[in-house]
Amino acid sequence: LKYSDAERKAEYAEYGTFTEAIKKNGTFVDGSPVDPAGSRLVRVVGGKTEVMNGQLPSRKEALVGYYKLKGKNVDEIATLVAKLPTARKGFIEILPEMEM
């Protein structure tokens, strides 16, 4: 998607408003934008480490940031993140932490 500067600023403002709201209500744990251009893929093949530039080629979307949230359950978090601009343009992936 192409954005005008005004559209980009408006979307960033929405993320800022969302972030402030989840910090205020105690849901926010951590979060950050990320730089997809700086991503690397690492694997070990035959005992040799290979490092490649980029994200997984099977992904159609690029990860551009994350929020780590706490809530009662996945449904509560889904309701919360539905307020993000990304939900109107694509998908938001929720990955619950595993208890270990």
Protein backbone atom coordinates (compact mmCIF):
# COMPACT_ATOMS: atom_id res chain seq x y z
CA LEU A 1 0.00 0.00 0.00
CA LYS A 2 1.15 3.51 -0.78
CA TYR A 3 0.54 6.24 1.79
CA SER A 4 0.68 9.98 1.54
CA ASP A 5 2.65 11.76 4.26
CA ALA A 6 -0.63 12.91 5.81
CA GLU A 7 -2.03 9.35 5.84
CA ARG A 8 1.17 8.01 7.39
CA LYS A 9 1.16 10.68 10.10
CA ALA A 10 -2.51 10.00 10.87
CA GLU A 11 -1.85 6.26 11.16
CA TYR A 12 1.18 6.79 13.43
CA ALA A 13 -0.99 9.04 15.60
CA GLU A 14 -3.55 6.20 15.90
CA TYR A 15 -0.80 3.83 17.03
CA GLY A 16 0.36 6.43 19.55
CA THR A 17 -3.16 6.83 20.93
CA PHE A 18 -3.58 3.04 21.16
CA THR A 19 -0.22 2.64 22.91
CA GLU A 20 -1.01 5.33 25.47
CA ALA A 21 -4.42 3.71 26.16
CA ILE A 22 -2.97 0.23 26.77
CA LYS A 23 -0.22 1.66 28.96
CA LYS A 24 -2.85 3.50 30.99
CA ASN A 25 -5.14 0.46 31.40
CA GLY A 26 -2.27 -1.87 32.38
CA THR A 27 -2.50 -4.16 29.34
CA PHE A 28 0.82 -3.11 27.78
CA VAL A 29 3.88 -5.23 28.62
CA ASP A 30 6.29 -4.40 25.79
CA GLY A 31 6.30 -3.34 22.17
CA SER A 32 8.37 -1.81 19.43
CA PRO A 33 8.41 -1.09 15.72
CA VAL A 34 10.91 -3.28 13.85
CA ASP A 35 12.92 -2.75 10.67
CA PRO A 36 12.10 -5.47 8.12
CA ALA A 37 15.04 -4.31 5.97
CA GLY A 38 17.40 -5.35 8.76
CA SER A 39 15.97 -8.84 9.28
CA ARG A 40 18.07 -11.98 8.99
CA LEU A 41 17.32 -15.68 8.64
CA VAL A 42 19.65 -18.04 10.49
CA ARG A 43 19.90 -21.79 10.13
CA VAL A 44 22.48 -24.52 10.61
CA VAL A 45 22.97 -26.96 7.73
CA GLY A 46 25.54 -29.73 7.98
CA GLY A 47 27.06 -28.11 11.03
CA LYS A 48 27.58 -24.76 9.23
CA THR A 49 25.71 -21.61 10.20
CA GLU A 50 24.04 -19.79 7.32
CA VAL A 51 22.85 -16.21 7.73
CA MET A 52 20.71 -14.68 4.98
CA ASN A 53 19.24 -11.22 4.63
CA GLY A 54 15.46 -10.87 4.73
CA GLN A 55 12.38 -12.45 6.20
CA LEU A 56 10.92 -15.86 5.44
CA PRO A 57 10.11 -15.96 1.71
CA SER A 58 6.85 -17.82 2.39
CA ARG A 59 5.46 -14.76 4.23
CA LYS A 60 3.37 -12.39 2.17
CA GLU A 61 3.35 -9.73 4.87
CA ALA A 62 6.31 -8.22 6.68
CA LEU A 63 6.46 -7.89 10.43
CA VAL A 64 6.77 -4.16 11.16
CA GLY A 65 6.24 -4.11 14.90
CA TYR A 66 4.84 -5.93 17.87
CA TYR A 67 2.95 -5.43 21.10
CA LYS A 68 3.26 -7.77 24.05
CA LEU A 69 0.01 -7.52 25.99
CA LYS A 70 -1.47 -9.15 29.05
CA GLY A 71 -5.11 -10.01 29.38
CA LYS A 72 -7.58 -12.57 30.70
CA ASN A 73 -7.67 -14.53 27.43
CA VAL A 74 -7.04 -14.36 23.68
CA ASP A 75 -10.57 -13.07 23.03
CA GLU A 76 -9.96 -10.05 25.25
CA ILE A 77 -6.72 -9.27 23.41
CA ALA A 78 -8.41 -9.76 20.01
CA THR A 79 -11.06 -7.19 20.94
CA LEU A 80 -8.35 -4.78 22.01
CA VAL A 81 -6.08 -5.09 18.95
CA ALA A 82 -9.05 -4.78 16.59
CA LYS A 83 -8.72 -1.04 17.27
CA LEU A 84 -5.35 -0.88 15.48
CA PRO A 85 -5.16 0.50 11.92
CA THR A 86 -3.56 -2.76 10.77
CA ALA A 87 -6.82 -4.62 11.45
CA ARG A 88 -8.53 -2.51 8.76
CA LYS A 89 -5.85 -3.24 6.14
CA GLY A 90 -4.62 -6.74 6.83
CA PHE A 91 -4.21 -9.09 9.74
CA ILE A 92 -2.95 -8.93 13.29
CA GLU A 93 -1.46 -12.18 14.49
CA ILE A 94 -1.94 -13.07 18.15
CA LEU A 95 0.56 -15.56 19.52
CA PRO A 96 -0.17 -16.63 23.09
CA GLU A 97 2.84 -17.43 25.24
CA MET A 98 3.28 -21.05 26.21
CA GLU A 99 3.46 -21.97 29.86
CA MET A 100 6.72 -23.85 30.49
